[in-house]
Amino acid sequence: MTWNSPDGFSYYWYNLRKEEEIFSTRVKGGGSVMIWASFGWGGKSSICFVDDRMNSRGYREELKKYLIDIGSCMGGSDWIFQQDNTPIHRSK
């Protein structure tokens, strides 16, 4: 038995003793959703569901609504906010 991944399929399973089976995981016309949450030694935030494409203004508004006000409650007065280098995080 072997796992391969030819173009167009997520999984392709074959066994020389059995007829081949192909499992496709493509989704057409679907959307996406992003889920944000944060945590620290002192607690956790509520979950934020982001269901639209976000620009830098929307990003700042969501941070203000879901994180900035409760950051010190989760991590104390010297809490640190960390993020990766995604373009939306660098925009002004």
N, C-alpha and C. Protein backbone atom coordinates (compact mmCIF):
# COMPACT_ATOMS: atom_id res chain seq x y z
N MET A 1 0.83 -1.17 0.00
CA MET A 1 0.00 0.00 0.00
C MET A 1 0.89 1.24 0.00
N THR A 2 0.47 2.23 -0.76
CA THR A 2 1.26 3.44 -0.89
C THR A 2 0.36 4.66 -0.99
N TRP A 3 0.82 5.78 -0.47
CA TRP A 3 0.10 7.06 -0.62
C TRP A 3 0.84 7.89 -1.65
N ASN A 4 0.13 8.36 -2.64
CA ASN A 4 0.67 9.28 -3.63
C ASN A 4 -0.21 10.51 -3.67
N SER A 5 0.24 11.55 -4.35
CA SER A 5 -0.57 12.76 -4.45
C SER A 5 -0.44 13.35 -5.85
N PRO A 6 -1.06 12.74 -6.86
CA PRO A 6 -0.99 13.29 -8.21
C PRO A 6 -1.77 14.60 -8.30
N ASP A 7 -1.50 15.39 -9.30
CA ASP A 7 -2.18 16.69 -9.46
C ASP A 7 -3.68 16.54 -9.44
N GLY A 8 -4.34 17.43 -8.73
CA GLY A 8 -5.79 17.46 -8.72
C GLY A 8 -6.45 16.67 -7.61
N PHE A 9 -5.72 15.87 -6.89
CA PHE A 9 -6.31 15.07 -5.83
C PHE A 9 -5.49 15.23 -4.56
N SER A 10 -6.18 15.25 -3.44
CA SER A 10 -5.47 15.36 -2.18
C SER A 10 -4.87 14.03 -1.76
N TYR A 11 -5.60 12.96 -2.01
CA TYR A 11 -5.10 11.64 -1.64
C TYR A 11 -5.39 10.65 -2.76
N TYR A 12 -4.45 9.82 -3.03
CA TYR A 12 -4.62 8.78 -4.03
C TYR A 12 -4.12 7.50 -3.39
N TRP A 13 -5.00 6.54 -3.20
CA TRP A 13 -4.68 5.31 -2.49
C TRP A 13 -4.67 4.17 -3.49
N TYR A 14 -3.63 3.37 -3.45
CA TYR A 14 -3.69 2.17 -4.27
C TYR A 14 -3.02 1.00 -3.57
N ASN A 15 -3.55 -0.15 -3.86
CA ASN A 15 -3.08 -1.41 -3.30
C ASN A 15 -3.08 -2.38 -4.48
N LEU A 16 -1.99 -3.00 -4.75
CA LEU A 16 -1.89 -3.86 -5.93
C LEU A 16 -2.86 -5.03 -5.88
N ARG A 17 -3.34 -5.41 -4.70
CA ARG A 17 -4.26 -6.53 -4.59
C ARG A 17 -5.72 -6.13 -4.74
N LYS A 18 -6.01 -4.83 -4.76
CA LYS A 18 -7.40 -4.37 -4.83
C LYS A 18 -7.55 -3.33 -5.93
N GLU A 19 -8.80 -3.09 -6.30
CA GLU A 19 -9.09 -2.05 -7.27
C GLU A 19 -8.77 -0.69 -6.65
N GLU A 20 -8.24 0.24 -7.46
CA GLU A 20 -7.84 1.52 -6.90
C GLU A 20 -9.03 2.39 -6.49
N GLU A 21 -8.80 3.21 -5.49
CA GLU A 21 -9.80 4.14 -5.00
C GLU A 21 -9.19 5.54 -5.02
N ILE A 22 -9.99 6.52 -5.39
CA ILE A 22 -9.51 7.90 -5.41
C ILE A 22 -10.42 8.72 -4.51
N PHE A 23 -9.81 9.45 -3.57
CA PHE A 23 -10.54 10.31 -2.66
C PHE A 23 -10.22 11.75 -3.01
N SER A 24 -11.19 12.51 -3.40
CA SER A 24 -10.99 13.90 -3.76
C SER A 24 -11.54 14.79 -2.65
N THR A 25 -10.79 15.83 -2.31
CA THR A 25 -11.26 16.74 -1.28
C THR A 25 -11.44 18.15 -1.82
N ARG A 26 -11.68 18.29 -3.09
CA ARG A 26 -11.90 19.61 -3.68
C ARG A 26 -13.25 20.16 -3.25
N VAL A 27 -13.27 21.45 -3.05
CA VAL A 27 -14.51 22.14 -2.71
C VAL A 27 -14.66 23.27 -3.72
N LYS A 28 -15.81 23.36 -4.34
CA LYS A 28 -16.02 24.41 -5.34
C LYS A 28 -16.99 25.44 -4.80
N GLY A 29 -16.68 26.69 -5.04
CA GLY A 29 -17.59 27.77 -4.69
C GLY A 29 -17.70 28.07 -3.22
N GLY A 30 -16.86 27.48 -2.42
CA GLY A 30 -16.93 27.73 -0.99
C GLY A 30 -16.22 29.00 -0.60
N GLY A 31 -16.47 29.45 0.57
CA GLY A 31 -15.79 30.63 1.09
C GLY A 31 -14.74 30.23 2.10
N SER A 32 -14.36 31.16 2.89
CA SER A 32 -13.40 30.85 3.93
C SER A 32 -13.78 31.62 5.19
N VAL A 33 -13.26 31.17 6.27
CA VAL A 33 -13.48 31.86 7.54
C VAL A 33 -12.18 31.80 8.33
N MET A 34 -11.87 32.88 8.99
CA MET A 34 -10.69 32.92 9.83
C MET A 34 -11.18 33.06 11.27
N ILE A 35 -10.53 32.35 12.16
CA ILE A 35 -10.91 32.39 13.57
C ILE A 35 -9.72 32.91 14.37
N TRP A 36 -9.96 33.91 15.16
CA TRP A 36 -8.93 34.47 16.03
C TRP A 36 -9.28 34.19 17.48
N ALA A 37 -8.25 33.98 18.25
CA ALA A 37 -8.40 33.89 19.70
C ALA A 37 -7.03 34.16 20.30
N SER A 38 -7.00 34.55 21.54
CA SER A 38 -5.72 34.78 22.20
C SER A 38 -5.80 34.24 23.62
N PHE A 39 -4.63 33.97 24.17
CA PHE A 39 -4.58 33.44 25.52
C PHE A 39 -3.29 33.90 26.20
N GLY A 40 -3.31 33.86 27.48
CA GLY A 40 -2.14 34.20 28.29
C GLY A 40 -2.26 33.48 29.62
N TRP A 41 -1.28 33.68 30.49
CA TRP A 41 -1.31 32.96 31.77
C TRP A 41 -2.49 33.39 32.62
N GLY A 42 -3.05 34.58 32.36
CA GLY A 42 -4.15 35.07 33.18
C GLY A 42 -5.53 34.88 32.59
N GLY A 43 -5.63 34.25 31.44
CA GLY A 43 -6.96 34.06 30.85
C GLY A 43 -6.93 33.92 29.35
N LYS A 44 -8.09 34.04 28.75
CA LYS A 44 -8.20 33.92 27.30
C LYS A 44 -9.24 34.90 26.79
N SER A 45 -9.16 35.20 25.50
CA SER A 45 -10.11 36.13 24.88
C SER A 45 -11.31 35.37 24.36
N SER A 46 -12.29 36.12 23.92
CA SER A 46 -13.41 35.48 23.22
C SER A 46 -12.95 35.17 21.79
N ILE A 47 -13.70 34.34 21.11
CA ILE A 47 -13.36 33.97 19.73
C ILE A 47 -13.91 35.02 18.78
N CYS A 48 -13.11 35.37 17.80
CA CYS A 48 -13.51 36.33 16.78
C CYS A 48 -13.56 35.61 15.43
N PHE A 49 -14.70 35.62 14.77
CA PHE A 49 -14.84 35.02 13.45
C PHE A 49 -14.72 36.11 12.41
N VAL A 50 -13.73 36.01 11.54
CA VAL A 50 -13.51 36.98 10.47
C VAL A 50 -13.93 36.30 9.18
N ASP A 51 -15.04 36.74 8.58
CA ASP A 51 -15.55 36.05 7.40
C ASP A 51 -15.38 36.85 6.11
N ASP A 52 -14.67 37.94 6.15
CA ASP A 52 -14.43 38.76 4.97
C ASP A 52 -12.94 38.94 4.78
N ARG A 53 -12.58 39.40 3.58
CA ARG A 53 -11.19 39.81 3.40
C ARG A 53 -10.97 41.05 4.25
N MET A 54 -9.83 41.16 4.84
CA MET A 54 -9.61 42.24 5.79
C MET A 54 -8.51 43.16 5.28
N ASN A 55 -8.72 44.46 5.43
CA ASN A 55 -7.66 45.42 5.14
C ASN A 55 -7.02 45.85 6.46
N SER A 56 -6.04 46.73 6.38
CA SER A 56 -5.32 47.09 7.61
C SER A 56 -6.21 47.84 8.60
N ARG A 57 -7.15 48.62 8.11
CA ARG A 57 -8.07 49.33 9.01
C ARG A 57 -8.95 48.33 9.78
N GLY A 58 -9.51 47.37 9.06
CA GLY A 58 -10.33 46.34 9.70
C GLY A 58 -9.52 45.52 10.69
N TYR A 59 -8.27 45.25 10.34
CA TYR A 59 -7.38 44.49 11.23
C TYR A 59 -7.19 45.24 12.55
N ARG A 60 -6.91 46.53 12.46
CA ARG A 60 -6.72 47.33 13.68
C ARG A 60 -8.00 47.40 14.51
N GLU A 61 -9.14 47.52 13.84
CA GLU A 61 -10.41 47.58 14.56
C GLU A 61 -10.70 46.27 15.31
N GLU A 62 -10.42 45.14 14.65
CA GLU A 62 -10.64 43.85 15.30
C GLU A 62 -9.69 43.67 16.49
N LEU A 63 -8.44 44.09 16.33
CA LEU A 63 -7.50 44.01 17.45
C LEU A 63 -8.00 44.84 18.63
N LYS A 64 -8.47 46.03 18.32
CA LYS A 64 -8.96 46.91 19.38
C LYS A 64 -10.17 46.30 20.09
N LYS A 65 -11.05 45.71 19.30
CA LYS A 65 -12.28 45.16 19.87
C LYS A 65 -12.04 43.89 20.68
N TYR A 66 -11.14 43.01 20.21
CA TYR A 66 -10.99 41.70 20.83
C TYR A 66 -9.72 41.51 21.65
N LEU A 67 -8.75 42.41 21.56
CA LEU A 67 -7.49 42.11 22.23
C LEU A 67 -6.96 43.24 23.10
N ILE A 68 -6.86 44.43 22.57
CA ILE A 68 -6.14 45.50 23.24
C ILE A 68 -6.68 45.77 24.65
N ASP A 69 -7.99 45.80 24.80
CA ASP A 69 -8.57 46.13 26.10
C ASP A 69 -8.37 45.03 27.15
N ILE A 70 -8.20 43.79 26.72
CA ILE A 70 -8.08 42.70 27.70
C ILE A 70 -6.67 42.12 27.77
N GLY A 71 -5.74 42.65 26.98
CA GLY A 71 -4.37 42.13 26.98
C GLY A 71 -3.72 42.13 28.34
N SER A 72 -3.88 43.22 29.07
CA SER A 72 -3.24 43.30 30.39
C SER A 72 -3.89 42.34 31.39
N CYS A 73 -5.16 42.00 31.17
CA CYS A 73 -5.82 41.02 32.06
C CYS A 73 -5.27 39.62 31.83
N MET A 74 -4.89 39.33 30.58
CA MET A 74 -4.39 38.00 30.25
C MET A 74 -2.91 37.84 30.57
N GLY A 75 -2.13 38.90 30.40
CA GLY A 75 -0.69 38.77 30.54
C GLY A 75 -0.03 39.72 31.52
N GLY A 76 -0.80 40.41 32.30
CA GLY A 76 -0.23 41.35 33.25
C GLY A 76 0.06 42.70 32.60
N SER A 77 0.61 43.62 33.37
CA SER A 77 0.82 44.98 32.88
C SER A 77 1.92 45.07 31.82
N ASP A 78 2.81 44.10 31.76
CA ASP A 78 3.89 44.13 30.77
C ASP A 78 3.69 43.09 29.67
N TRP A 79 2.43 42.87 29.28
CA TRP A 79 2.13 41.87 28.25
C TRP A 79 2.70 42.29 26.90
N ILE A 80 2.98 41.32 26.06
CA ILE A 80 3.57 41.55 24.74
C ILE A 80 2.66 40.95 23.68
N PHE A 81 2.36 41.74 22.67
CA PHE A 81 1.57 41.27 21.53
C PHE A 81 2.54 40.86 20.43
N GLN A 82 2.43 39.63 19.94
CA GLN A 82 3.30 39.15 18.87
C GLN A 82 2.46 38.76 17.68
N GLN A 83 3.01 38.99 16.50
CA GLN A 83 2.34 38.60 15.26
C GLN A 83 3.40 38.21 14.24
N ASP A 84 2.96 37.54 13.17
CA ASP A 84 3.92 37.16 12.14
C ASP A 84 4.07 38.31 11.14
N ASN A 85 4.71 38.05 10.03
CA ASN A 85 5.04 39.10 9.07
C ASN A 85 4.06 39.13 7.89
N THR A 86 2.81 38.79 8.13
CA THR A 86 1.79 38.83 7.09
C THR A 86 1.63 40.27 6.59
N PRO A 87 1.41 40.49 5.29
CA PRO A 87 1.32 41.86 4.77
C PRO A 87 0.32 42.75 5.51
N ILE A 88 -0.80 42.22 5.93
CA ILE A 88 -1.79 43.04 6.64
C ILE A 88 -1.24 43.53 7.98
N HIS A 89 -0.33 42.78 8.58
CA HIS A 89 0.25 43.19 9.86
C HIS A 89 1.25 44.33 9.68
N ARG A 90 1.83 44.43 8.49
CA ARG A 90 2.83 45.47 8.23
C ARG A 90 2.24 46.73 7.63
N SER A 91 1.02 46.68 7.14
CA SER A 91 0.43 47.84 6.46
C SER A 91 0.10 48.94 7.46
N LYS A 92 0.03 50.16 6.97
CA LYS A 92 -0.24 51.31 7.85
C LYS A 92 -1.50 52.01 7.43
